[in-house]
Amino acid sequence: MFMLKTSIACLSLVSALGVAGPVLAQVAGATTTVGVTVTESTRFAMGWSVKKTLLGKTIYNDAGQKVGKVEDLIISPDKSVSYVIVGAGGFVGIGRHDVAVPVTQIQDQSGRLVMAGATKDTIKALPAFDYASDTTTRDRFVANAEKDIAKGHAKLTDLEKKGAAAATDAKVRIDAQIVALQGDVKAAEGKLAELKTATANRWKEFEAGVSAATARVRKSIQTAIG
């Protein structure tokens, strides 16, 4: 038995290969040097193939039931595989539910991929995976939310200064506004923290909560004294 993550290390083979004499290819009557050496070609041929060994392969649970199929791999910048994209249900891509499963949850048992404890229903219950291609909208939303929170902190500082110099009656009102604004700012920070820790394709699930929280911060700022 071996973990997929160990097998995927073969994908970084190219960085460890030595350099032998380059392969020469004839292109339109000219001699052109290509980027794969004889040594590299031989080692690649003897190496581990994602297409033949993993992609499209059925995943079973520990009871031997089919729970999905490997549709893709998500490879982190350091060349280790972080997630396997599993497709469950559907037919020829219609109605299929793709999810991201941590590679550590899947094992190769004598050539069979096994995800212990999984069922088709538990796979389908996971959030659908979508390829993230542009983070511009998310980054802009986060920046605007951070500005609202920063304005809330600035207003708190202003209110605290005014409260310290205010007469008793005014101080009571200011202190109440400080408590309310502190609560709103803290809530907005919590909602934004949840959004930031979400994966790139799931951040919109937290967008409404952050928007509502920052709206309360803006309202508290507007209604505060001075």
C-alpha atoms as a PDB file:
ATOM      1  CA  MET A   1       0.000   0.000   0.000  1.00  0.00           C
ATOM      2  CA  PHE A   2       1.291   3.466  -0.699  1.00  0.00           C
ATOM      3  CA  MET A   3      -0.186   6.929  -0.542  1.00  0.00           C
ATOM      4  CA  LEU A   4      -0.927   8.740  -3.789  1.00  0.00           C
ATOM      5  CA  LYS A   5       1.096  11.657  -2.566  1.00  0.00           C
ATOM      6  CA  THR A   6       4.185   9.460  -2.573  1.00  0.00           C
ATOM      7  CA  SER A   7       3.459   8.294  -6.100  1.00  0.00           C
ATOM      8  CA  ILE A   8       2.968  11.830  -7.349  1.00  0.00           C
ATOM      9  CA  ALA A   9       6.573  12.568  -6.426  1.00  0.00           C
ATOM     10  CA  CYS A  10       7.396  10.933  -9.730  1.00  0.00           C
ATOM     11  CA  LEU A  11       5.963  14.008 -11.443  1.00  0.00           C
ATOM     12  CA  SER A  12       9.021  15.964 -10.332  1.00  0.00           C
ATOM     13  CA  LEU A  13      11.310  13.449 -12.013  1.00  0.00           C
ATOM     14  CA  VAL A  14      12.270  15.897 -14.735  1.00  0.00           C
ATOM     15  CA  SER A  15      14.067  18.144 -12.249  1.00  0.00           C
ATOM     16  CA  ALA A  16      16.281  15.285 -11.067  1.00  0.00           C
ATOM     17  CA  LEU A  17      17.291  13.894 -14.434  1.00  0.00           C
ATOM     18  CA  GLY A  18      20.853  14.106 -15.677  1.00  0.00           C
ATOM     19  CA  VAL A  19      21.682  15.572 -19.076  1.00  0.00           C
ATOM     20  CA  ALA A  20      23.017  13.331 -21.815  1.00  0.00           C
ATOM     21  CA  GLY A  21      23.450  14.119 -25.482  1.00  0.00           C
ATOM     22  CA  PRO A  22      20.406  15.978 -26.850  1.00  0.00           C
ATOM     23  CA  VAL A  23      17.982  14.363 -29.267  1.00  0.00           C
ATOM     24  CA  LEU A  24      18.098  15.988 -32.687  1.00  0.00           C
ATOM     25  CA  ALA A  25      14.956  16.344 -34.777  1.00  0.00           C
ATOM     26  CA  GLN A  26      14.772  17.199 -38.439  1.00  0.00           C
ATOM     27  CA  VAL A  27      12.375  20.062 -39.109  1.00  0.00           C
ATOM     28  CA  ALA A  28      11.918  21.304 -42.706  1.00  0.00           C
ATOM     29  CA  GLY A  29      15.386  20.142 -43.655  1.00  0.00           C
ATOM     30  CA  ALA A  30      17.126  21.739 -40.691  1.00  0.00           C
ATOM     31  CA  THR A  31      18.611  20.187 -37.570  1.00  0.00           C
ATOM     32  CA  THR A  32      16.877  21.403 -34.399  1.00  0.00           C
ATOM     33  CA  THR A  33      17.784  20.610 -30.797  1.00  0.00           C
ATOM     34  CA  VAL A  34      14.747  19.712 -28.697  1.00  0.00           C
ATOM     35  CA  GLY A  35      14.444  19.855 -24.926  1.00  0.00           C
ATOM     36  CA  VAL A  36      14.467  16.136 -24.042  1.00  0.00           C
ATOM     37  CA  THR A  37      17.673  14.114 -23.907  1.00  0.00           C
ATOM     38  CA  VAL A  38      18.063  10.404 -24.645  1.00  0.00           C
ATOM     39  CA  THR A  39      18.526   9.745 -20.939  1.00  0.00           C
ATOM     40  CA  GLU A  40      15.373  11.689 -20.095  1.00  0.00           C
ATOM     41  CA  SER A  41      13.327   9.868 -22.730  1.00  0.00           C
ATOM     42  CA  THR A  42      14.396   6.492 -21.342  1.00  0.00           C
ATOM     43  CA  ARG A  43      13.620   7.440 -17.757  1.00  0.00           C
ATOM     44  CA  PHE A  44      10.244   8.946 -18.645  1.00  0.00           C
ATOM     45  CA  ALA A  45       9.300   5.727 -20.439  1.00  0.00           C
ATOM     46  CA  MET A  46      10.079   3.754 -17.280  1.00  0.00           C
ATOM     47  CA  GLY A  47       8.387   6.241 -14.957  1.00  0.00           C
ATOM     48  CA  TRP A  48       4.910   6.644 -13.475  1.00  0.00           C
ATOM     49  CA  SER A  49       2.059   7.744 -15.736  1.00  0.00           C
ATOM     50  CA  VAL A  50      -0.778   9.798 -14.281  1.00  0.00           C
ATOM     51  CA  LYS A  51      -2.976   9.038 -17.273  1.00  0.00           C
ATOM     52  CA  LYS A  52      -2.466   5.268 -17.103  1.00  0.00           C
ATOM     53  CA  THR A  53      -2.321   4.893 -13.324  1.00  0.00           C
ATOM     54  CA  LEU A  54      -4.747   7.439 -11.868  1.00  0.00           C
ATOM     55  CA  LEU A  55      -6.872   9.632 -14.142  1.00  0.00           C
ATOM     56  CA  GLY A  56     -10.253   8.132 -14.916  1.00  0.00           C
ATOM     57  CA  LYS A  57      -9.769   5.432 -12.332  1.00  0.00           C
ATOM     58  CA  THR A  58     -12.700   4.383 -10.142  1.00  0.00           C
ATOM     59  CA  ILE A  59     -12.583   5.091  -6.423  1.00  0.00           C
ATOM     60  CA  TYR A  60     -14.069   2.536  -4.052  1.00  0.00           C
ATOM     61  CA  ASN A  61     -14.898   2.626  -0.355  1.00  0.00           C
ATOM     62  CA  ASP A  62     -13.621   0.020   2.090  1.00  0.00           C
ATOM     63  CA  ALA A  63     -16.768  -2.049   1.461  1.00  0.00           C
ATOM     64  CA  GLY A  64     -15.858  -2.404  -2.219  1.00  0.00           C
ATOM     65  CA  GLN A  65     -18.593  -0.046  -3.449  1.00  0.00           C
ATOM     66  CA  LYS A  66     -17.886   2.448  -6.244  1.00  0.00           C
ATOM     67  CA  VAL A  67     -18.134   6.031  -4.965  1.00  0.00           C
ATOM     68  CA  GLY A  68     -16.679   8.103  -7.796  1.00  0.00           C
ATOM     69  CA  LYS A  69     -13.998   8.512 -10.432  1.00  0.00           C
ATOM     70  CA  VAL A  70     -10.763  10.514 -10.546  1.00  0.00           C
ATOM     71  CA  GLU A  71     -11.304  13.439 -12.926  1.00  0.00           C
ATOM     72  CA  ASP A  72      -8.250  15.579 -12.228  1.00  0.00           C
ATOM     73  CA  LEU A  73      -5.374  16.383  -9.880  1.00  0.00           C
ATOM     74  CA  ILE A  74      -4.661  19.684  -8.202  1.00  0.00           C
ATOM     75  CA  ILE A  75      -0.915  20.121  -7.866  1.00  0.00           C
ATOM     76  CA  SER A  76       0.545  22.673  -5.490  1.00  0.00           C
ATOM     77  CA  PRO A  77       3.467  24.902  -6.536  1.00  0.00           C
ATOM     78  CA  ASP A  78       5.976  22.608  -4.792  1.00  0.00           C
ATOM     79  CA  LYS A  79       4.877  19.776  -7.126  1.00  0.00           C
ATOM     80  CA  SER A  80       3.095  17.729  -4.426  1.00  0.00           C
ATOM     81  CA  VAL A  81      -0.533  16.793  -5.086  1.00  0.00           C
ATOM     82  CA  SER A  82      -2.894  18.445  -2.620  1.00  0.00           C
ATOM     83  CA  TYR A  83      -6.281  17.284  -3.871  1.00  0.00           C
ATOM     84  CA  VAL A  84      -7.816  14.688  -6.135  1.00  0.00           C
ATOM     85  CA  ILE A  85     -10.883  15.899  -8.038  1.00  0.00           C
ATOM     86  CA  VAL A  86     -13.515  13.187  -7.742  1.00  0.00           C
ATOM     87  CA  GLY A  87     -16.609  12.998  -9.941  1.00  0.00           C
ATOM     88  CA  ALA A  88     -19.681  11.301  -8.492  1.00  0.00           C
ATOM     89  CA  GLY A  89     -22.944  10.458 -10.264  1.00  0.00           C
ATOM     90  CA  GLY A  90     -24.020  11.643 -13.685  1.00  0.00           C
ATOM     91  CA  PHE A  91     -23.479  10.096 -17.094  1.00  0.00           C
ATOM     92  CA  VAL A  92     -20.840  11.220 -19.572  1.00  0.00           C
ATOM     93  CA  GLY A  93     -20.393  14.443 -17.614  1.00  0.00           C
ATOM     94  CA  ILE A  94     -24.128  15.214 -17.374  1.00  0.00           C
ATOM     95  CA  GLY A  95     -25.221  15.796 -13.800  1.00  0.00           C
ATOM     96  CA  ARG A  96     -21.782  14.892 -12.472  1.00  0.00           C
ATOM     97  CA  HIS A  97     -20.817  16.371  -9.117  1.00  0.00           C
ATOM     98  CA  ASP A  98     -17.077  17.111  -8.881  1.00  0.00           C
ATOM     99  CA  VAL A  99     -15.521  17.582  -5.443  1.00  0.00           C
ATOM    100  CA  ALA A 100     -12.002  18.143  -4.137  1.00  0.00           C
ATOM    101  CA  VAL A 101     -10.785  15.393  -1.811  1.00  0.00           C
ATOM    102  CA  PRO A 102      -7.506  15.663   0.138  1.00  0.00           C
ATOM    103  CA  VAL A 103      -5.057  13.190  -1.343  1.00  0.00           C
ATOM    104  CA  THR A 104      -4.332  11.775   2.120  1.00  0.00           C
ATOM    105  CA  GLN A 105      -7.875  10.372   2.254  1.00  0.00           C
ATOM    106  CA  ILE A 106      -7.270   8.054  -0.700  1.00  0.00           C
ATOM    107  CA  GLN A 107      -5.038   5.000  -0.678  1.00  0.00           C
ATOM    108  CA  ASP A 108      -3.850   2.605  -3.358  1.00  0.00           C
ATOM    109  CA  GLN A 109      -4.627  -0.915  -2.200  1.00  0.00           C
ATOM    110  CA  SER A 110      -3.171  -3.451  -4.633  1.00  0.00           C
ATOM    111  CA  GLY A 111      -3.956  -1.226  -7.613  1.00  0.00           C
ATOM    112  CA  ARG A 112      -7.422  -0.182  -6.380  1.00  0.00           C
ATOM    113  CA  LEU A 113      -8.046   3.370  -5.145  1.00  0.00           C
ATOM    114  CA  VAL A 114      -9.861   3.269  -1.804  1.00  0.00           C
ATOM    115  CA  MET A 115     -11.473   6.096   0.164  1.00  0.00           C
ATOM    116  CA  ALA A 116     -12.430   4.567   3.491  1.00  0.00           C
ATOM    117  CA  GLY A 117     -15.878   5.396   4.824  1.00  0.00           C
ATOM    118  CA  ALA A 118     -17.007   7.198   1.672  1.00  0.00           C
ATOM    119  CA  THR A 119     -20.310   6.714  -0.136  1.00  0.00           C
ATOM    120  CA  LYS A 120     -21.780   8.330  -3.244  1.00  0.00           C
ATOM    121  CA  ASP A 121     -24.071  10.332  -0.979  1.00  0.00           C
ATOM    122  CA  THR A 122     -21.240  11.667   1.186  1.00  0.00           C
ATOM    123  CA  ILE A 123     -19.292  12.625  -1.959  1.00  0.00           C
ATOM    124  CA  LYS A 124     -22.307  14.428  -3.419  1.00  0.00           C
ATOM    125  CA  ALA A 125     -22.875  16.199  -0.088  1.00  0.00           C
ATOM    126  CA  LEU A 126     -19.468  17.896  -0.355  1.00  0.00           C
ATOM    127  CA  PRO A 127     -19.337  21.383  -1.933  1.00  0.00           C
ATOM    128  CA  ALA A 128     -18.987  21.242  -5.701  1.00  0.00           C
ATOM    129  CA  PHE A 129     -15.526  22.033  -7.031  1.00  0.00           C
ATOM    130  CA  ASP A 130     -15.105  24.818  -9.583  1.00  0.00           C
ATOM    131  CA  TYR A 131     -11.830  25.867 -11.156  1.00  0.00           C
ATOM    132  CA  ALA A 132     -10.838  29.301  -9.950  1.00  0.00           C
ATOM    133  CA  SER A 133      -9.456  31.382 -12.792  1.00  0.00           C
ATOM    134  CA  ASP A 134      -9.697  34.973 -11.565  1.00  0.00           C
ATOM    135  CA  THR A 135      -9.365  36.293  -8.025  1.00  0.00           C
ATOM    136  CA  THR A 136      -9.803  39.965  -8.980  1.00  0.00           C
ATOM    137  CA  THR A 137     -13.409  40.178  -7.779  1.00  0.00           C
ATOM    138  CA  ARG A 138     -12.609  38.433  -4.500  1.00  0.00           C
ATOM    139  CA  ASP A 139      -9.570  40.634  -3.854  1.00  0.00           C
ATOM    140  CA  ARG A 140     -11.584  43.787  -4.527  1.00  0.00           C
ATOM    141  CA  PHE A 141     -14.374  42.639  -2.209  1.00  0.00           C
ATOM    142  CA  VAL A 142     -11.908  41.831   0.572  1.00  0.00           C
ATOM    143  CA  ALA A 143     -10.175  45.208   0.159  1.00  0.00           C
ATOM    144  CA  ASN A 144     -13.489  47.084   0.449  1.00  0.00           C
ATOM    145  CA  ALA A 145     -14.473  45.106   3.535  1.00  0.00           C
ATOM    146  CA  GLU A 146     -11.105  45.846   5.137  1.00  0.00           C
ATOM    147  CA  LYS A 147     -11.626  49.561   4.456  1.00  0.00           C
ATOM    148  CA  ASP A 148     -14.999  49.500   6.241  1.00  0.00           C
ATOM    149  CA  ILE A 149     -13.435  47.717   9.207  1.00  0.00           C
ATOM    150  CA  ALA A 150     -10.552  50.203   9.292  1.00  0.00           C
ATOM    151  CA  LYS A 151     -13.055  53.080   9.315  1.00  0.00           C
ATOM    152  CA  GLY A 152     -14.800  51.377  12.207  1.00  0.00           C
ATOM    153  CA  HIS A 153     -11.572  51.228  14.198  1.00  0.00           C
ATOM    154  CA  ALA A 154     -10.847  54.885  13.399  1.00  0.00           C
ATOM    155  CA  LYS A 155     -14.316  55.878  14.591  1.00  0.00           C
ATOM    156  CA  LEU A 156     -13.837  53.917  17.807  1.00  0.00           C
ATOM    157  CA  THR A 157     -10.650  55.851  18.514  1.00  0.00           C
ATOM    158  CA  ASP A 158     -12.484  59.114  17.863  1.00  0.00           C
ATOM    159  CA  LEU A 159     -15.392  58.148  20.127  1.00  0.00           C
ATOM    160  CA  GLU A 160     -13.079  57.065  22.932  1.00  0.00           C
ATOM    161  CA  LYS A 161     -11.343  60.465  22.855  1.00  0.00           C
ATOM    162  CA  LYS A 162     -14.665  62.303  22.887  1.00  0.00           C
ATOM    163  CA  GLY A 163     -16.017  60.099  25.650  1.00  0.00           C
ATOM    164  CA  ALA A 164     -13.031  60.830  27.858  1.00  0.00           C
ATOM    165  CA  ALA A 165     -13.674  64.584  27.591  1.00  0.00           C
ATOM    166  CA  ALA A 166     -17.479  64.498  27.660  1.00  0.00           C
ATOM    167  CA  ALA A 167     -19.848  65.344  30.487  1.00  0.00           C
ATOM    168  CA  THR A 168     -21.582  62.506  32.291  1.00  0.00           C
ATOM    169  CA  ASP A 169     -24.774  62.365  30.192  1.00  0.00           C
ATOM    170  CA  ALA A 170     -22.925  62.607  26.876  1.00  0.00           C
ATOM    171  CA  LYS A 171     -20.342  60.082  28.042  1.00  0.00           C
ATOM    172  CA  VAL A 172     -23.055  57.507  28.735  1.00  0.00           C
ATOM    173  CA  ARG A 173     -24.373  57.845  25.187  1.00  0.00           C
ATOM    174  CA  ILE A 174     -20.889  57.722  23.675  1.00  0.00           C
ATOM    175  CA  ASP A 175     -19.935  54.657  25.729  1.00  0.00           C
ATOM    176  CA  ALA A 176     -23.061  52.855  24.477  1.00  0.00           C
ATOM    177  CA  GLN A 177     -22.141  53.712  20.898  1.00  0.00           C
ATOM    178  CA  ILE A 178     -18.581  52.468  21.464  1.00  0.00           C
ATOM    179  CA  VAL A 179     -19.851  49.124  22.754  1.00  0.00           C
ATOM    180  CA  ALA A 180     -22.217  48.754  19.775  1.00  0.00           C
ATOM    181  CA  LEU A 181     -19.562  49.680  17.224  1.00  0.00           C
ATOM    182  CA  GLN A 182     -16.997  47.393  18.849  1.00  0.00           C
ATOM    183  CA  GLY A 183     -19.440  44.514  18.505  1.00  0.00           C
ATOM    184  CA  ASP A 184     -20.138  45.320  14.867  1.00  0.00           C
ATOM    185  CA  VAL A 185     -16.441  45.633  14.010  1.00  0.00           C
ATOM    186  CA  LYS A 186     -15.589  42.378  15.765  1.00  0.00           C
ATOM    187  CA  ALA A 187     -18.403  40.569  13.951  1.00  0.00           C
ATOM    188  CA  ALA A 188     -17.258  41.930  10.582  1.00  0.00           C
ATOM    189  CA  GLU A 189     -13.682  40.857  11.288  1.00  0.00           C
ATOM    190  CA  GLY A 190     -14.889  37.362  12.129  1.00  0.00           C
ATOM    191  CA  LYS A 191     -16.953  37.051   8.940  1.00  0.00           C
ATOM    192  CA  LEU A 192     -14.088  38.354   6.820  1.00  0.00           C
ATOM    193  CA  ALA A 193     -11.687  35.889   8.442  1.00  0.00           C
ATOM    194  CA  GLU A 194     -14.020  33.031   7.454  1.00  0.00           C
ATOM    195  CA  LEU A 195     -14.081  34.261   3.868  1.00  0.00           C
ATOM    196  CA  LYS A 196     -10.305  34.563   3.721  1.00  0.00           C
ATOM    197  CA  THR A 197      -9.775  30.989   4.884  1.00  0.00           C
ATOM    198  CA  ALA A 198     -12.252  29.603   2.333  1.00  0.00           C
ATOM    199  CA  THR A 199     -10.916  28.108  -0.880  1.00  0.00           C
ATOM    200  CA  ALA A 200     -10.865  30.367  -3.922  1.00  0.00           C
ATOM    201  CA  ASN A 201     -13.896  28.711  -5.455  1.00  0.00           C
ATOM    202  CA  ARG A 202     -15.995  28.883  -2.242  1.00  0.00           C
ATOM    203  CA  TRP A 203     -15.487  32.458  -1.097  1.00  0.00           C
ATOM    204  CA  LYS A 204     -18.853  33.606  -2.457  1.00  0.00           C
ATOM    205  CA  GLU A 205     -20.584  31.393   0.103  1.00  0.00           C
ATOM    206  CA  PHE A 206     -19.356  33.894   2.723  1.00  0.00           C
ATOM    207  CA  GLU A 207     -19.888  37.076   0.691  1.00  0.00           C
ATOM    208  CA  ALA A 208     -23.412  37.819   1.954  1.00  0.00           C
ATOM    209  CA  GLY A 209     -22.378  37.427   5.599  1.00  0.00           C
ATOM    210  CA  VAL A 210     -19.443  39.813   5.201  1.00  0.00           C
ATOM    211  CA  SER A 211     -21.585  42.347   3.313  1.00  0.00           C
ATOM    212  CA  ALA A 212     -24.230  42.362   6.046  1.00  0.00           C
ATOM    213  CA  ALA A 213     -21.613  42.713   8.779  1.00  0.00           C
ATOM    214  CA  THR A 214     -19.778  45.607   7.112  1.00  0.00           C
ATOM    215  CA  ALA A 215     -23.133  47.310   6.414  1.00  0.00           C
ATOM    216  CA  ARG A 216     -23.791  47.294  10.167  1.00  0.00           C
ATOM    217  CA  VAL A 217     -20.359  48.827  10.747  1.00  0.00           C
ATOM    218  CA  ARG A 218     -21.113  51.645   8.299  1.00  0.00           C
ATOM    219  CA  LYS A 219     -24.486  52.280   9.920  1.00  0.00           C
ATOM    220  CA  SER A 220     -22.943  52.406  13.407  1.00  0.00           C
ATOM    221  CA  ILE A 221     -20.364  54.908  12.147  1.00  0.00           C
ATOM    222  CA  GLN A 222     -23.052  57.135  10.638  1.00  0.00           C
ATOM    223  CA  THR A 223     -25.219  57.145  13.742  1.00  0.00           C
ATOM    224  CA  ALA A 224     -22.364  57.699  16.196  1.00  0.00           C
ATOM    225  CA  ILE A 225     -21.920  61.142  17.753  1.00  0.00           C
ATOM    226  CA  GLY A 226     -19.765  63.578  15.800  1.00  0.00           C
END
